[in-house]
Amino acid sequence: MKKLAVFVAFVFAVFAFVPAQAAKVSPTEIQGAQTIDAAKAKELFDRGVTFVDVRKDSDFESGRVPGAVHIELKKKLSADSLGAAVKKDQEVVIYCNGPKCMRSSKACAKAVAWGYSKVYYFRTGMPSWKEAGYPVE
């Protein structure tokens, strides 16, 4: 009976843990923003669209899309800091560390709420950029 109780506790613990991990996957869409993949991001990069990196300082320092503006989500992102990088009617690509990172989804939602109309949500972010072999600085 004791083994059964331990097994049941284990099963409950596993099922309690799984939803918590699933919640850490970024949404596939942000209302008011366009979700893009690495190929579209590269096309926008080649056109000179501003890229905003909202990752932690250490992630930014370890490699980024060339010329990306660093506005760390939790410490620096505000309507003013984004406005200093890009105007509300200009295109902007916002990225972070991929689907298991919530930073770009949160930043895109904020940008849309602040009135930005051409927001590109690069959900797969830096991992897919590197995987595609695109330039990194």
N, C-alpha and C. Protein backbone atom coordinates (compact mmCIF):
# COMPACT_ATOMS: atom_id res chain seq x y z
N MET A 1 0.83 -1.20 0.00
CA MET A 1 0.00 0.00 0.00
C MET A 1 0.87 1.26 0.00
N LYS A 2 1.98 1.19 0.73
CA LYS A 2 2.88 2.34 0.81
C LYS A 2 3.48 2.64 -0.58
N LYS A 3 3.82 1.58 -1.33
CA LYS A 3 4.37 1.76 -2.67
C LYS A 3 3.35 2.41 -3.59
N LEU A 4 2.08 2.03 -3.45
CA LEU A 4 1.03 2.62 -4.26
C LEU A 4 0.88 4.11 -3.95
N ALA A 5 0.95 4.46 -2.69
CA ALA A 5 0.85 5.87 -2.29
C ALA A 5 2.00 6.68 -2.86
N VAL A 6 3.19 6.11 -2.84
CA VAL A 6 4.36 6.80 -3.40
C VAL A 6 4.20 6.96 -4.91
N PHE A 7 3.73 5.91 -5.58
CA PHE A 7 3.51 5.97 -7.02
C PHE A 7 2.47 7.04 -7.37
N VAL A 8 1.37 7.07 -6.65
CA VAL A 8 0.31 8.06 -6.91
C VAL A 8 0.86 9.48 -6.69
N ALA A 9 1.63 9.67 -5.64
CA ALA A 9 2.23 10.98 -5.38
C ALA A 9 3.16 11.38 -6.52
N PHE A 10 3.92 10.41 -7.01
CA PHE A 10 4.83 10.67 -8.13
C PHE A 10 4.05 11.09 -9.38
N VAL A 11 2.99 10.36 -9.69
CA VAL A 11 2.18 10.67 -10.87
C VAL A 11 1.60 12.08 -10.76
N PHE A 12 1.07 12.41 -9.59
CA PHE A 12 0.53 13.77 -9.41
C PHE A 12 1.62 14.83 -9.56
N ALA A 13 2.80 14.55 -9.04
CA ALA A 13 3.91 15.50 -9.16
C ALA A 13 4.29 15.71 -10.62
N VAL A 14 4.33 14.62 -11.39
CA VAL A 14 4.67 14.73 -12.82
C VAL A 14 3.64 15.57 -13.55
N PHE A 15 2.36 15.28 -13.32
CA PHE A 15 1.31 16.03 -14.01
C PHE A 15 1.25 17.48 -13.55
N ALA A 16 1.62 17.75 -12.34
CA ALA A 16 1.65 19.14 -11.86
C ALA A 16 2.81 19.89 -12.51
N PHE A 17 3.91 19.18 -12.78
CA PHE A 17 5.10 19.79 -13.36
C PHE A 17 4.93 20.06 -14.85
N VAL A 18 4.30 19.17 -15.59
CA VAL A 18 4.17 19.29 -17.05
C VAL A 18 3.46 20.58 -17.45
N PRO A 19 2.30 20.93 -16.88
CA PRO A 19 1.67 22.19 -17.28
C PRO A 19 2.53 23.41 -16.98
N ALA A 20 3.28 23.36 -15.90
CA ALA A 20 4.15 24.50 -15.57
C ALA A 20 5.21 24.69 -16.65
N GLN A 21 5.75 23.58 -17.15
CA GLN A 21 6.74 23.68 -18.21
C GLN A 21 6.09 24.13 -19.52
N ALA A 22 4.90 23.63 -19.81
CA ALA A 22 4.21 24.01 -21.04
C ALA A 22 3.90 25.50 -21.05
N ALA A 23 3.67 26.08 -19.90
CA ALA A 23 3.35 27.50 -19.81
C ALA A 23 4.55 28.37 -20.20
N LYS A 24 5.74 27.80 -20.23
CA LYS A 24 6.93 28.57 -20.55
C LYS A 24 7.23 28.61 -22.05
N VAL A 25 6.30 28.18 -22.85
CA VAL A 25 6.45 28.26 -24.29
C VAL A 25 5.75 29.54 -24.76
N SER A 26 6.48 30.34 -25.52
CA SER A 26 5.92 31.62 -25.97
C SER A 26 4.73 31.40 -26.91
N PRO A 27 3.81 32.34 -26.93
CA PRO A 27 2.67 32.21 -27.83
C PRO A 27 3.13 32.26 -29.29
N THR A 28 2.36 31.63 -30.17
CA THR A 28 2.73 31.64 -31.58
C THR A 28 2.34 32.94 -32.26
N GLU A 29 1.40 33.66 -31.66
CA GLU A 29 0.95 34.93 -32.24
C GLU A 29 0.77 35.97 -31.14
N ILE A 30 0.98 37.21 -31.52
CA ILE A 30 0.71 38.36 -30.66
C ILE A 30 -0.24 39.25 -31.45
N GLN A 31 -1.38 39.54 -30.88
CA GLN A 31 -2.36 40.37 -31.57
C GLN A 31 -1.75 41.73 -31.91
N GLY A 32 -1.85 42.11 -33.18
CA GLY A 32 -1.32 43.38 -33.64
C GLY A 32 0.10 43.30 -34.18
N ALA A 33 0.74 42.15 -34.03
CA ALA A 33 2.10 41.94 -34.54
C ALA A 33 2.07 40.79 -35.54
N GLN A 34 3.05 40.77 -36.42
CA GLN A 34 3.15 39.69 -37.40
C GLN A 34 4.27 38.74 -36.98
N THR A 35 3.93 37.47 -36.79
CA THR A 35 4.93 36.46 -36.45
C THR A 35 5.74 36.12 -37.70
N ILE A 36 7.06 36.12 -37.55
CA ILE A 36 7.93 35.82 -38.69
C ILE A 36 8.92 34.72 -38.33
N ASP A 37 9.45 34.09 -39.38
CA ASP A 37 10.49 33.08 -39.20
C ASP A 37 11.84 33.70 -39.56
N ALA A 38 12.89 32.89 -39.51
CA ALA A 38 14.24 33.40 -39.76
C ALA A 38 14.40 33.93 -41.19
N ALA A 39 13.80 33.28 -42.16
CA ALA A 39 13.94 33.74 -43.55
C ALA A 39 13.33 35.13 -43.73
N LYS A 40 12.16 35.35 -43.16
CA LYS A 40 11.53 36.67 -43.25
C LYS A 40 12.34 37.69 -42.45
N ALA A 41 12.86 37.27 -41.30
CA ALA A 41 13.70 38.18 -40.51
C ALA A 41 14.92 38.62 -41.32
N LYS A 42 15.53 37.69 -42.03
CA LYS A 42 16.70 38.03 -42.85
C LYS A 42 16.32 38.98 -43.97
N GLU A 43 15.17 38.77 -44.56
CA GLU A 43 14.69 39.68 -45.61
C GLU A 43 14.53 41.10 -45.04
N LEU A 44 13.96 41.20 -43.86
CA LEU A 44 13.78 42.51 -43.22
C LEU A 44 15.13 43.10 -42.83
N PHE A 45 16.05 42.27 -42.35
CA PHE A 45 17.40 42.71 -42.02
C PHE A 45 18.08 43.30 -43.26
N ASP A 46 17.96 42.60 -44.38
CA ASP A 46 18.57 43.05 -45.62
C ASP A 46 17.98 44.37 -46.11
N ARG A 47 16.75 44.65 -45.73
CA ARG A 47 16.10 45.93 -46.08
C ARG A 47 16.44 47.04 -45.09
N GLY A 48 17.17 46.72 -44.04
CA GLY A 48 17.58 47.74 -43.07
C GLY A 48 16.57 48.01 -41.97
N VAL A 49 15.63 47.10 -41.76
CA VAL A 49 14.65 47.27 -40.68
C VAL A 49 15.37 47.16 -39.33
N THR A 50 14.95 47.96 -38.37
CA THR A 50 15.53 47.95 -37.03
C THR A 50 15.18 46.66 -36.30
N PHE A 51 16.19 46.02 -35.72
CA PHE A 51 16.01 44.85 -34.88
C PHE A 51 16.22 45.26 -33.43
N VAL A 52 15.32 44.83 -32.56
CA VAL A 52 15.43 45.12 -31.14
C VAL A 52 15.60 43.80 -30.40
N ASP A 53 16.70 43.69 -29.68
CA ASP A 53 17.04 42.51 -28.89
C ASP A 53 16.63 42.80 -27.45
N VAL A 54 15.70 42.02 -26.92
CA VAL A 54 15.19 42.26 -25.57
C VAL A 54 15.73 41.25 -24.55
N ARG A 55 16.81 40.56 -24.91
CA ARG A 55 17.40 39.55 -24.02
C ARG A 55 18.22 40.21 -22.90
N LYS A 56 18.62 39.37 -21.95
CA LYS A 56 19.49 39.82 -20.87
C LYS A 56 20.80 40.33 -21.45
N ASP A 57 21.49 41.18 -20.68
CA ASP A 57 22.77 41.74 -21.11
C ASP A 57 23.77 40.65 -21.50
N SER A 58 23.87 39.60 -20.71
CA SER A 58 24.86 38.54 -20.99
C SER A 58 24.54 37.82 -22.30
N ASP A 59 23.26 37.63 -22.59
CA ASP A 59 22.88 36.99 -23.86
C ASP A 59 23.23 37.89 -25.04
N PHE A 60 22.95 39.17 -24.89
CA PHE A 60 23.25 40.14 -25.94
C PHE A 60 24.75 40.17 -26.22
N GLU A 61 25.54 40.17 -25.15
CA GLU A 61 27.00 40.24 -25.30
C GLU A 61 27.58 38.97 -25.93
N SER A 62 26.88 37.85 -25.81
CA SER A 62 27.40 36.60 -26.36
C SER A 62 27.13 36.42 -27.85
N GLY A 63 26.39 37.34 -28.44
CA GLY A 63 26.12 37.28 -29.87
C GLY A 63 24.73 37.79 -30.18
N ARG A 64 24.65 38.58 -31.26
CA ARG A 64 23.38 39.23 -31.62
C ARG A 64 23.30 39.45 -33.12
N VAL A 65 22.10 39.78 -33.58
CA VAL A 65 21.92 40.18 -34.97
C VAL A 65 22.72 41.47 -35.16
N PRO A 66 23.56 41.55 -36.19
CA PRO A 66 24.38 42.74 -36.38
C PRO A 66 23.54 44.03 -36.41
N GLY A 67 23.98 45.00 -35.63
CA GLY A 67 23.31 46.29 -35.58
C GLY A 67 22.07 46.34 -34.71
N ALA A 68 21.73 45.23 -34.07
CA ALA A 68 20.52 45.21 -33.24
C ALA A 68 20.64 46.20 -32.09
N VAL A 69 19.53 46.82 -31.77
CA VAL A 69 19.45 47.73 -30.63
C VAL A 69 19.11 46.87 -29.42
N HIS A 70 19.88 47.05 -28.35
CA HIS A 70 19.63 46.26 -27.14
C HIS A 70 18.79 47.07 -26.16
N ILE A 71 17.59 46.57 -25.91
CA ILE A 71 16.71 47.17 -24.90
C ILE A 71 16.22 46.02 -24.04
N GLU A 72 16.94 45.75 -22.98
CA GLU A 72 16.62 44.62 -22.10
C GLU A 72 15.20 44.77 -21.56
N LEU A 73 14.40 43.73 -21.72
CA LEU A 73 12.97 43.79 -21.39
C LEU A 73 12.69 44.23 -19.97
N LYS A 74 13.29 43.56 -19.01
CA LYS A 74 12.92 43.78 -17.62
C LYS A 74 13.50 45.04 -17.01
N LYS A 75 14.63 45.52 -17.52
CA LYS A 75 15.29 46.67 -16.92
C LYS A 75 15.15 47.96 -17.71
N LYS A 76 14.99 47.86 -19.04
CA LYS A 76 15.08 49.07 -19.85
C LYS A 76 13.93 49.33 -20.81
N LEU A 77 13.15 48.31 -21.16
CA LEU A 77 12.11 48.52 -22.17
C LEU A 77 11.00 49.41 -21.62
N SER A 78 10.78 50.50 -22.33
CA SER A 78 9.70 51.43 -22.01
C SER A 78 9.27 52.08 -23.32
N ALA A 79 8.18 52.80 -23.27
CA ALA A 79 7.74 53.52 -24.46
C ALA A 79 8.82 54.49 -24.92
N ASP A 80 9.50 55.11 -23.98
CA ASP A 80 10.56 56.07 -24.31
C ASP A 80 11.78 55.39 -24.91
N SER A 81 12.22 54.27 -24.31
CA SER A 81 13.42 53.61 -24.84
C SER A 81 13.17 53.02 -26.22
N LEU A 82 11.99 52.47 -26.44
CA LEU A 82 11.68 51.96 -27.78
C LEU A 82 11.53 53.11 -28.76
N GLY A 83 10.92 54.19 -28.32
CA GLY A 83 10.76 55.37 -29.17
C GLY A 83 12.08 55.99 -29.59
N ALA A 84 13.10 55.84 -28.76
CA ALA A 84 14.42 56.36 -29.12
C ALA A 84 15.06 55.52 -30.22
N ALA A 85 14.63 54.27 -30.35
CA ALA A 85 15.20 53.36 -31.34
C ALA A 85 14.43 53.36 -32.65
N VAL A 86 13.12 53.50 -32.58
CA VAL A 86 12.28 53.38 -33.77
C VAL A 86 10.99 54.18 -33.58
N LYS A 87 10.52 54.80 -34.66
CA LYS A 87 9.27 55.55 -34.60
C LYS A 87 8.08 54.60 -34.70
N LYS A 88 6.94 55.04 -34.20
CA LYS A 88 5.76 54.19 -34.14
C LYS A 88 5.26 53.71 -35.50
N ASP A 89 5.56 54.45 -36.56
CA ASP A 89 5.10 54.03 -37.88
C ASP A 89 6.17 53.30 -38.69
N GLN A 90 7.32 53.04 -38.07
CA GLN A 90 8.39 52.30 -38.74
C GLN A 90 8.31 50.82 -38.41
N GLU A 91 8.88 50.01 -39.30
CA GLU A 91 8.95 48.58 -39.06
C GLU A 91 9.98 48.28 -37.96
N VAL A 92 9.67 47.29 -37.14
CA VAL A 92 10.60 46.87 -36.10
C VAL A 92 10.47 45.36 -35.88
N VAL A 93 11.62 44.70 -35.79
CA VAL A 93 11.67 43.27 -35.51
C VAL A 93 12.14 43.13 -34.06
N ILE A 94 11.36 42.38 -33.27
CA ILE A 94 11.70 42.17 -31.87
C ILE A 94 11.98 40.69 -31.66
N TYR A 95 13.13 40.39 -31.03
CA TYR A 95 13.51 38.99 -30.83
C TYR A 95 14.17 38.76 -29.48
N CYS A 96 14.22 37.46 -29.13
CA CYS A 96 14.90 37.03 -27.91
C CYS A 96 15.54 35.66 -28.15
N ASN A 97 15.42 34.75 -27.19
CA ASN A 97 16.09 33.45 -27.25
C ASN A 97 15.22 32.31 -27.76
N GLY A 98 14.19 32.59 -28.53
CA GLY A 98 13.40 31.53 -29.13
C GLY A 98 12.12 31.19 -28.39
N PRO A 99 11.45 30.13 -28.81
CA PRO A 99 10.12 29.78 -28.30
C PRO A 99 10.02 29.55 -26.80
N LYS A 100 11.11 29.21 -26.15
CA LYS A 100 11.04 28.99 -24.70
C LYS A 100 11.38 30.26 -23.92
N CYS A 101 11.51 31.36 -24.62
CA CYS A 101 11.78 32.66 -24.01
C CYS A 101 10.55 33.54 -24.22
N MET A 102 10.06 34.13 -23.18
CA MET A 102 8.84 34.93 -23.25
C MET A 102 9.11 36.42 -23.54
N ARG A 103 10.35 36.82 -23.56
CA ARG A 103 10.68 38.24 -23.65
C ARG A 103 10.16 38.92 -24.92
N SER A 104 10.36 38.30 -26.08
CA SER A 104 9.93 38.97 -27.32
C SER A 104 8.41 39.05 -27.42
N SER A 105 7.72 38.04 -26.92
CA SER A 105 6.25 38.10 -26.96
C SER A 105 5.75 39.24 -26.08
N LYS A 106 6.33 39.37 -24.90
CA LYS A 106 5.93 40.46 -23.99
C LYS A 106 6.28 41.82 -24.59
N ALA A 107 7.46 41.93 -25.18
CA ALA A 107 7.89 43.19 -25.76
C ALA A 107 7.02 43.58 -26.96
N CYS A 108 6.66 42.61 -27.78
CA CYS A 108 5.79 42.89 -28.93
C CYS A 108 4.43 43.37 -28.46
N ALA A 109 3.88 42.72 -27.46
CA ALA A 109 2.58 43.13 -26.93
C ALA A 109 2.65 44.56 -26.40
N LYS A 110 3.73 44.89 -25.74
CA LYS A 110 3.90 46.26 -25.23
C LYS A 110 4.00 47.25 -26.38
N ALA A 111 4.79 46.91 -27.39
CA ALA A 111 4.96 47.81 -28.54
C ALA A 111 3.62 48.09 -29.21
N VAL A 112 2.83 47.06 -29.40
CA VAL A 112 1.51 47.22 -30.02
C VAL A 112 0.64 48.11 -29.13
N ALA A 113 0.67 47.87 -27.84
CA ALA A 113 -0.13 48.68 -26.89
C ALA A 113 0.31 50.14 -26.89
N TRP A 114 1.59 50.38 -27.16
CA TRP A 114 2.12 51.75 -27.21
C TRP A 114 1.86 52.42 -28.56
N GLY A 115 1.22 51.71 -29.49
CA GLY A 115 0.84 52.31 -30.76
C GLY A 115 1.72 51.99 -31.95
N TYR A 116 2.64 51.05 -31.80
CA TYR A 116 3.48 50.66 -32.94
C TYR A 116 2.63 49.81 -33.88
N SER A 117 2.70 50.13 -35.17
CA SER A 117 1.81 49.48 -36.13
C SER A 117 2.49 48.48 -37.07
N LYS A 118 3.81 48.41 -37.04
CA LYS A 118 4.55 47.51 -37.93
C LYS A 118 5.53 46.67 -37.13
N VAL A 119 4.97 45.88 -36.23
CA VAL A 119 5.77 45.07 -35.31
C VAL A 119 5.89 43.65 -35.85
N TYR A 120 7.13 43.18 -35.95
CA TYR A 120 7.40 41.80 -36.37
C TYR A 120 7.89 41.02 -35.15
N TYR A 121 7.17 39.97 -34.83
CA TYR A 121 7.47 39.10 -33.70
C TYR A 121 8.32 37.94 -34.21
N PHE A 122 9.62 38.05 -33.99
CA PHE A 122 10.56 37.01 -34.43
C PHE A 122 10.63 35.97 -33.31
N ARG A 123 9.61 35.13 -33.25
CA ARG A 123 9.40 34.19 -32.16
C ARG A 123 10.56 33.22 -31.98
N THR A 124 11.10 32.71 -33.07
CA THR A 124 12.17 31.71 -32.98
C THR A 124 13.53 32.35 -32.71
N GLY A 125 13.61 33.65 -32.85
CA GLY A 125 14.74 34.45 -32.40
C GLY A 125 16.14 34.01 -32.75
N MET A 126 17.03 34.33 -31.81
CA MET A 126 18.46 34.13 -32.03
C MET A 126 18.84 32.68 -32.36
N PRO A 127 18.23 31.68 -31.72
CA PRO A 127 18.61 30.30 -32.10
C PRO A 127 18.36 30.00 -33.58
N SER A 128 17.22 30.41 -34.12
CA SER A 128 16.95 30.10 -35.53
C SER A 128 17.79 30.97 -36.46
N TRP A 129 18.11 32.19 -36.03
CA TRP A 129 18.99 33.07 -36.81
C TRP A 129 20.36 32.41 -36.98
N LYS A 130 20.91 31.93 -35.87
CA LYS A 130 22.22 31.26 -35.91
C LYS A 130 22.14 29.96 -36.72
N GLU A 131 21.08 29.19 -36.49
CA GLU A 131 20.92 27.91 -37.18
C GLU A 131 20.88 28.09 -38.70
N ALA A 132 20.31 29.21 -39.15
CA ALA A 132 20.23 29.50 -40.58
C ALA A 132 21.57 29.95 -41.15
N GLY A 133 22.54 30.21 -40.28
CA GLY A 133 23.86 30.64 -40.73
C GLY A 133 23.94 32.13 -41.05
N TYR A 134 23.01 32.89 -40.54
CA TYR A 134 23.01 34.34 -40.78
C TYR A 134 24.07 35.02 -39.91
N PRO A 135 24.49 36.22 -40.29
CA PRO A 135 25.60 36.87 -39.56
C PRO A 135 25.24 37.18 -38.10
N VAL A 136 26.27 37.06 -37.27
CA VAL A 136 26.15 37.35 -35.83
C VAL A 136 27.35 38.21 -35.45
N GLU A 137 27.10 39.20 -34.60
CA GLU A 137 28.23 39.99 -34.09
C GLU A 137 28.31 39.88 -32.59
